[in-house]
Amino acid sequence: MPQYYVNKNAQENGDHEVHEETCAYLPAPANRVALGWHPSCHGAVAEARKHFRQVDGCYRCCNACHHS
């Protein structure tokens, strides 16, 4: 089960992206919030919505949860 993080910094469209811990686009430690271990990106995105209103999965590592 991978560990997930959400970027504290929003993208230009306002989305805070969720990433797996092994993603090449994982933000620096100071710019992310740990979301814990989840069996899929869906649980991680739900957890990220507790921190930020506008959330999306990373296109590269969480494609099943990417909508923008």
PDB file of N, CA and C in Angstrom:
ATOM      1  N   MET A   1       0.844  -1.169   0.000  1.00  0.00           N
ATOM      2  CA  MET A   1       0.000   0.000   0.000  1.00  0.00           C
ATOM      3  C   MET A   1       0.898   1.244   0.000  1.00  0.00           C
ATOM      4  N   PRO A   2       0.732   2.114  -0.983  1.00  0.00           N
ATOM      5  CA  PRO A   2       1.597   3.301  -1.040  1.00  0.00           C
ATOM      6  C   PRO A   2       1.175   4.398  -0.059  1.00  0.00           C
ATOM      7  N   GLN A   3       2.143   5.211   0.291  1.00  0.00           N
ATOM      8  CA  GLN A   3       1.857   6.405   1.089  1.00  0.00           C
ATOM      9  C   GLN A   3       1.613   7.551   0.117  1.00  0.00           C
ATOM     10  N   TYR A   4       0.693   8.422   0.486  1.00  0.00           N
ATOM     11  CA  TYR A   4       0.309   9.541  -0.376  1.00  0.00           C
ATOM     12  C   TYR A   4       0.559  10.863   0.323  1.00  0.00           C
ATOM     13  N   TYR A   5       0.728  11.890  -0.503  1.00  0.00           N
ATOM     14  CA  TYR A   5       0.929  13.257  -0.037  1.00  0.00           C
ATOM     15  C   TYR A   5       0.125  14.196  -0.917  1.00  0.00           C
ATOM     16  N   VAL A   6      -0.239  15.344  -0.370  1.00  0.00           N
ATOM     17  CA  VAL A   6      -0.885  16.382  -1.167  1.00  0.00           C
ATOM     18  C   VAL A   6       0.006  17.627  -1.131  1.00  0.00           C
ATOM     19  N   ASN A   7       0.098  18.262  -2.266  1.00  0.00           N
ATOM     20  CA  ASN A   7       0.907  19.476  -2.400  1.00  0.00           C
ATOM     21  C   ASN A   7       0.204  20.637  -1.706  1.00  0.00           C
ATOM     22  N   LYS A   8       0.911  21.323  -0.821  1.00  0.00           N
ATOM     23  CA  LYS A   8       0.363  22.503  -0.142  1.00  0.00           C
ATOM     24  C   LYS A   8       0.157  23.651  -1.122  1.00  0.00           C
ATOM     25  N   ASN A   9       0.959  23.684  -2.169  1.00  0.00           N
ATOM     26  CA  ASN A   9       0.890  24.757  -3.159  1.00  0.00           C
ATOM     27  C   ASN A   9      -0.070  24.357  -4.274  1.00  0.00           C
ATOM     28  N   ALA A  10      -1.060  25.178  -4.503  1.00  0.00           N
ATOM     29  CA  ALA A  10      -2.032  24.906  -5.560  1.00  0.00           C
ATOM     30  C   ALA A  10      -1.425  25.172  -6.930  1.00  0.00           C
ATOM     31  N   GLN A  11      -1.922  24.439  -7.920  1.00  0.00           N
ATOM     32  CA  GLN A  11      -1.545  24.698  -9.309  1.00  0.00           C
ATOM     33  C   GLN A  11      -2.262  25.967  -9.767  1.00  0.00           C
ATOM     34  N   GLU A  12      -1.992  26.404 -10.988  1.00  0.00           N
ATOM     35  CA  GLU A  12      -2.614  27.625 -11.511  1.00  0.00           C
ATOM     36  C   GLU A  12      -4.139  27.550 -11.504  1.00  0.00           C
ATOM     37  N   ASN A  13      -4.700  26.346 -11.680  1.00  0.00           N
ATOM     38  CA  ASN A  13      -6.156  26.200 -11.699  1.00  0.00           C
ATOM     39  C   ASN A  13      -6.756  26.041 -10.305  1.00  0.00           C
ATOM     40  N   GLY A  14      -5.931  26.078  -9.268  1.00  0.00           N
ATOM     41  CA  GLY A  14      -6.403  25.986  -7.894  1.00  0.00           C
ATOM     42  C   GLY A  14      -6.351  24.597  -7.285  1.00  0.00           C
ATOM     43  N   ASP A  15      -6.027  23.583  -8.081  1.00  0.00           N
ATOM     44  CA  ASP A  15      -5.957  22.209  -7.580  1.00  0.00           C
ATOM     45  C   ASP A  15      -4.724  21.980  -6.719  1.00  0.00           C
ATOM     46  N   HIS A  16      -4.910  21.221  -5.649  1.00  0.00           N
ATOM     47  CA  HIS A  16      -3.813  20.710  -4.836  1.00  0.00           C
ATOM     48  C   HIS A  16      -3.662  19.247  -5.251  1.00  0.00           C
ATOM     49  N   GLU A  17      -2.525  18.890  -5.821  1.00  0.00           N
ATOM     50  CA  GLU A  17      -2.334  17.553  -6.377  1.00  0.00           C
ATOM     51  C   GLU A  17      -1.920  16.526  -5.337  1.00  0.00           C
ATOM     52  N   VAL A  18      -2.510  15.334  -5.463  1.00  0.00           N
ATOM     53  CA  VAL A  18      -2.174  14.188  -4.625  1.00  0.00           C
ATOM     54  C   VAL A  18      -1.148  13.345  -5.373  1.00  0.00           C
ATOM     55  N   HIS A  19      -0.102  12.899  -4.657  1.00  0.00           N
ATOM     56  CA  HIS A  19       0.984  12.106  -5.244  1.00  0.00           C
ATOM     57  C   HIS A  19       1.273  10.881  -4.387  1.00  0.00           C
ATOM     58  N   GLU A  20       1.715   9.813  -5.057  1.00  0.00           N
ATOM     59  CA  GLU A  20       2.284   8.668  -4.344  1.00  0.00           C
ATOM     60  C   GLU A  20       3.693   9.049  -3.912  1.00  0.00           C
ATOM     61  N   GLU A  21       4.189   8.393  -2.869  1.00  0.00           N
ATOM     62  CA  GLU A  21       5.511   8.726  -2.335  1.00  0.00           C
ATOM     63  C   GLU A  21       6.645   8.491  -3.322  1.00  0.00           C
ATOM     64  N   THR A  22       6.453   7.661  -4.341  1.00  0.00           N
ATOM     65  CA  THR A  22       7.503   7.361  -5.314  1.00  0.00           C
ATOM     66  C   THR A  22       7.419   8.225  -6.571  1.00  0.00           C
ATOM     67  N   CYS A  23       6.485   9.150  -6.632  1.00  0.00           N
ATOM     68  CA  CYS A  23       6.291   9.973  -7.828  1.00  0.00           C
ATOM     69  C   CYS A  23       7.491  10.900  -8.065  1.00  0.00           C
ATOM     70  N   ALA A  24       7.889  11.015  -9.305  1.00  0.00           N
ATOM     71  CA  ALA A  24       8.979  11.917  -9.677  1.00  0.00           C
ATOM     72  C   ALA A  24       8.593  13.379  -9.463  1.00  0.00           C
ATOM     73  N   TYR A  25       7.292  13.669  -9.354  1.00  0.00           N
ATOM     74  CA  TYR A  25       6.803  15.038  -9.190  1.00  0.00           C
ATOM     75  C   TYR A  25       6.348  15.325  -7.760  1.00  0.00           C
ATOM     76  N   LEU A  26       6.733  14.461  -6.831  1.00  0.00           N
ATOM     77  CA  LEU A  26       6.410  14.664  -5.422  1.00  0.00           C
ATOM     78  C   LEU A  26       7.011  15.996  -4.958  1.00  0.00           C
ATOM     79  N   PRO A  27       6.209  16.848  -4.320  1.00  0.00           N
ATOM     80  CA  PRO A  27       6.758  18.124  -3.860  1.00  0.00           C
ATOM     81  C   PRO A  27       7.774  17.945  -2.729  1.00  0.00           C
ATOM     82  N   ALA A  28       8.566  18.961  -2.519  1.00  0.00           N
ATOM     83  CA  ALA A  28       9.558  18.965  -1.435  1.00  0.00           C
ATOM     84  C   ALA A  28       8.850  18.771  -0.095  1.00  0.00           C
ATOM     85  N   PRO A  29       9.524  18.186   0.894  1.00  0.00           N
ATOM     86  CA  PRO A  29       8.898  17.927   2.198  1.00  0.00           C
ATOM     87  C   PRO A  29       8.210  19.154   2.812  1.00  0.00           C
ATOM     88  N   ALA A  30       8.761  20.323   2.646  1.00  0.00           N
ATOM     89  CA  ALA A  30       8.155  21.529   3.224  1.00  0.00           C
ATOM     90  C   ALA A  30       6.861  21.929   2.519  1.00  0.00           C
ATOM     91  N   ASN A  31       6.638  21.389   1.319  1.00  0.00           N
ATOM     92  CA  ASN A  31       5.475  21.777   0.514  1.00  0.00           C
ATOM     93  C   ASN A  31       4.426  20.686   0.401  1.00  0.00           C
ATOM     94  N   ARG A  32       4.423  19.730   1.332  1.00  0.00           N
ATOM     95  CA  ARG A  32       3.442  18.643   1.232  1.00  0.00           C
ATOM     96  C   ARG A  32       2.879  18.267   2.591  1.00  0.00           C
ATOM     97  N   VAL A  33       1.696  17.654   2.531  1.00  0.00           N
ATOM     98  CA  VAL A  33       1.012  17.146   3.718  1.00  0.00           C
ATOM     99  C   VAL A  33       0.876  15.639   3.544  1.00  0.00           C
ATOM    100  N   ALA A  34       1.310  14.876   4.537  1.00  0.00           N
ATOM    101  CA  ALA A  34       1.186  13.419   4.489  1.00  0.00           C
ATOM    102  C   ALA A  34      -0.283  13.026   4.646  1.00  0.00           C
ATOM    103  N   LEU A  35      -0.723  12.104   3.795  1.00  0.00           N
ATOM    104  CA  LEU A  35      -2.112  11.641   3.824  1.00  0.00           C
ATOM    105  C   LEU A  35      -2.237  10.221   4.351  1.00  0.00           C
ATOM    106  N   GLY A  36      -1.114   9.570   4.595  1.00  0.00           N
ATOM    107  CA  GLY A  36      -1.133   8.197   5.091  1.00  0.00           C
ATOM    108  C   GLY A  36      -1.093   7.178   3.971  1.00  0.00           C
ATOM    109  N   TRP A  37      -1.223   5.913   4.347  1.00  0.00           N
ATOM    110  CA  TRP A  37      -1.183   4.805   3.400  1.00  0.00           C
ATOM    111  C   TRP A  37      -2.602   4.462   2.985  1.00  0.00           C
ATOM    112  N   HIS A  38      -2.810   4.277   1.696  1.00  0.00           N
ATOM    113  CA  HIS A  38      -4.137   3.966   1.155  1.00  0.00           C
ATOM    114  C   HIS A  38      -3.985   2.904   0.069  1.00  0.00           C
ATOM    115  N   PRO A  39      -4.994   2.028  -0.075  1.00  0.00           N
ATOM    116  CA  PRO A  39      -4.927   1.000  -1.113  1.00  0.00           C
ATOM    117  C   PRO A  39      -5.038   1.572  -2.526  1.00  0.00           C
ATOM    118  N   SER A  40      -5.607   2.781  -2.656  1.00  0.00           N
ATOM    119  CA  SER A  40      -5.703   3.426  -3.968  1.00  0.00           C
ATOM    120  C   SER A  40      -5.703   4.937  -3.779  1.00  0.00           C
ATOM    121  N   CYS A  41      -5.622   5.645  -4.883  1.00  0.00           N
ATOM    122  CA  CYS A  41      -5.609   7.103  -4.826  1.00  0.00           C
ATOM    123  C   CYS A  41      -6.946   7.672  -4.355  1.00  0.00           C
ATOM    124  N   HIS A  42      -8.021   6.917  -4.496  1.00  0.00           N
ATOM    125  CA  HIS A  42      -9.345   7.429  -4.121  1.00  0.00           C
ATOM    126  C   HIS A  42      -9.421   7.775  -2.630  1.00  0.00           C
ATOM    127  N   GLY A  43      -8.899   6.916  -1.784  1.00  0.00           N
ATOM    128  CA  GLY A  43      -8.877   7.194  -0.354  1.00  0.00           C
ATOM    129  C   GLY A  43      -7.976   8.370  -0.020  1.00  0.00           C
ATOM    130  N   ALA A  44      -6.865   8.484  -0.744  1.00  0.00           N
ATOM    131  CA  ALA A  44      -5.933   9.587  -0.518  1.00  0.00           C
ATOM    132  C   ALA A  44      -6.560  10.923  -0.920  1.00  0.00           C
ATOM    133  N   VAL A  45      -7.284  10.935  -2.018  1.00  0.00           N
ATOM    134  CA  VAL A  45      -7.957  12.165  -2.455  1.00  0.00           C
ATOM    135  C   VAL A  45      -9.025  12.567  -1.436  1.00  0.00           C
ATOM    136  N   ALA A  46      -9.766  11.603  -0.928  1.00  0.00           N
ATOM    137  CA  ALA A  46     -10.773  11.905   0.100  1.00  0.00           C
ATOM    138  C   ALA A  46     -10.108  12.496   1.345  1.00  0.00           C
ATOM    139  N   GLU A  47      -8.971  11.946   1.736  1.00  0.00           N
ATOM    140  CA  GLU A  47      -8.232  12.476   2.889  1.00  0.00           C
ATOM    141  C   GLU A  47      -7.714  13.891   2.592  1.00  0.00           C
ATOM    142  N   ALA A  48      -7.236  14.129   1.384  1.00  0.00           N
ATOM    143  CA  ALA A  48      -6.716  15.451   1.002  1.00  0.00           C
ATOM    144  C   ALA A  48      -7.812  16.510   1.049  1.00  0.00           C
ATOM    145  N   ARG A  49      -9.058  16.124   0.779  1.00  0.00           N
ATOM    146  CA  ARG A  49     -10.176  17.081   0.819  1.00  0.00           C
ATOM    147  C   ARG A  49     -10.471  17.548   2.237  1.00  0.00           C
ATOM    148  N   LYS A  50      -9.915  16.885   3.232  1.00  0.00           N
ATOM    149  CA  LYS A  50     -10.032  17.355   4.616  1.00  0.00           C
ATOM    150  C   LYS A  50      -9.120  18.558   4.853  1.00  0.00           C
ATOM    151  N   HIS A  51      -8.115  18.718   3.973  1.00  0.00           N
ATOM    152  CA  HIS A  51      -7.141  19.805   4.089  1.00  0.00           C
ATOM    153  C   HIS A  51      -7.389  20.930   3.093  1.00  0.00           C
ATOM    154  N   PHE A  52      -7.830  20.572   1.887  1.00  0.00           N
ATOM    155  CA  PHE A  52      -8.030  21.548   0.811  1.00  0.00           C
ATOM    156  C   PHE A  52      -9.339  21.249   0.087  1.00  0.00           C
ATOM    157  N   ARG A  53     -10.034  22.279  -0.321  1.00  0.00           N
ATOM    158  CA  ARG A  53     -11.318  22.120  -0.998  1.00  0.00           C
ATOM    159  C   ARG A  53     -11.154  21.584  -2.417  1.00  0.00           C
ATOM    160  N   GLN A  54     -10.167  22.068  -3.126  1.00  0.00           N
ATOM    161  CA  GLN A  54      -9.971  21.707  -4.533  1.00  0.00           C
ATOM    162  C   GLN A  54      -8.770  20.778  -4.658  1.00  0.00           C
ATOM    163  N   VAL A  55      -9.025  19.503  -4.964  1.00  0.00           N
ATOM    164  CA  VAL A  55      -7.997  18.464  -4.982  1.00  0.00           C
ATOM    165  C   VAL A  55      -8.117  17.653  -6.252  1.00  0.00           C
ATOM    166  N   ASP A  56      -6.983  17.201  -6.781  1.00  0.00           N
ATOM    167  CA  ASP A  56      -6.967  16.331  -7.957  1.00  0.00           C
ATOM    168  C   ASP A  56      -5.783  15.379  -7.831  1.00  0.00           C
ATOM    169  N   GLY A  57      -5.888  14.227  -8.448  1.00  0.00           N
ATOM    170  CA  GLY A  57      -4.786  13.277  -8.479  1.00  0.00           C
ATOM    171  C   GLY A  57      -3.758  13.665  -9.522  1.00  0.00           C
ATOM    172  N   CYS A  58      -2.516  13.358  -9.264  1.00  0.00           N
ATOM    173  CA  CYS A  58      -1.433  13.610 -10.212  1.00  0.00           C
ATOM    174  C   CYS A  58      -1.667  12.787 -11.483  1.00  0.00           C
ATOM    175  N   TYR A  59      -1.492  13.409 -12.623  1.00  0.00           N
ATOM    176  CA  TYR A  59      -1.678  12.740 -13.909  1.00  0.00           C
ATOM    177  C   TYR A  59      -0.754  11.539 -14.046  1.00  0.00           C
ATOM    178  N   ARG A  60       0.454  11.632 -13.506  1.00  0.00           N
ATOM    179  CA  ARG A  60       1.460  10.581 -13.707  1.00  0.00           C
ATOM    180  C   ARG A  60       1.355   9.430 -12.712  1.00  0.00           C
ATOM    181  N   CYS A  61       1.128   9.726 -11.434  1.00  0.00           N
ATOM    182  CA  CYS A  61       1.132   8.646 -10.433  1.00  0.00           C
ATOM    183  C   CYS A  61      -0.250   8.292  -9.896  1.00  0.00           C
ATOM    184  N   CYS A  62      -1.223   9.149 -10.090  1.00  0.00           N
ATOM    185  CA  CYS A  62      -2.595   8.921  -9.592  1.00  0.00           C
ATOM    186  C   CYS A  62      -3.589   9.165 -10.719  1.00  0.00           C
ATOM    187  N   ASN A  63      -3.308   8.618 -11.886  1.00  0.00           N
ATOM    188  CA  ASN A  63      -4.108   8.888 -13.064  1.00  0.00           C
ATOM    189  C   ASN A  63      -5.571   8.513 -12.891  1.00  0.00           C
ATOM    190  N   ALA A  64      -5.861   7.456 -12.126  1.00  0.00           N
ATOM    191  CA  ALA A  64      -7.253   7.040 -11.904  1.00  0.00           C
ATOM    192  C   ALA A  64      -8.049   8.112 -11.162  1.00  0.00           C
ATOM    193  N   CYS A  65      -7.357   9.020 -10.489  1.00  0.00           N
ATOM    194  CA  CYS A  65      -8.007  10.089  -9.722  1.00  0.00           C
ATOM    195  C   CYS A  65      -7.769  11.461 -10.349  1.00  0.00           C
ATOM    196  N   HIS A  66      -7.200  11.498 -11.532  1.00  0.00           N
ATOM    197  CA  HIS A  66      -6.917  12.768 -12.211  1.00  0.00           C
ATOM    198  C   HIS A  66      -8.113  13.163 -13.067  1.00  0.00           C
ATOM    199  N   HIS A  67      -8.623  14.379 -12.842  1.00  0.00           N
ATOM    200  CA  HIS A  67      -9.810  14.826 -13.577  1.00  0.00           C
ATOM    201  C   HIS A  67      -9.612  16.130 -14.323  1.00  0.00           C
ATOM    202  N   SER A  68      -8.600  16.895 -14.001  1.00  0.00           N
ATOM    203  CA  SER A  68      -8.428  18.213 -14.643  1.00  0.00           C
ATOM    204  C   SER A  68      -7.616  18.113 -15.912  1.00  0.00           C
TER     205      SER A  68
END
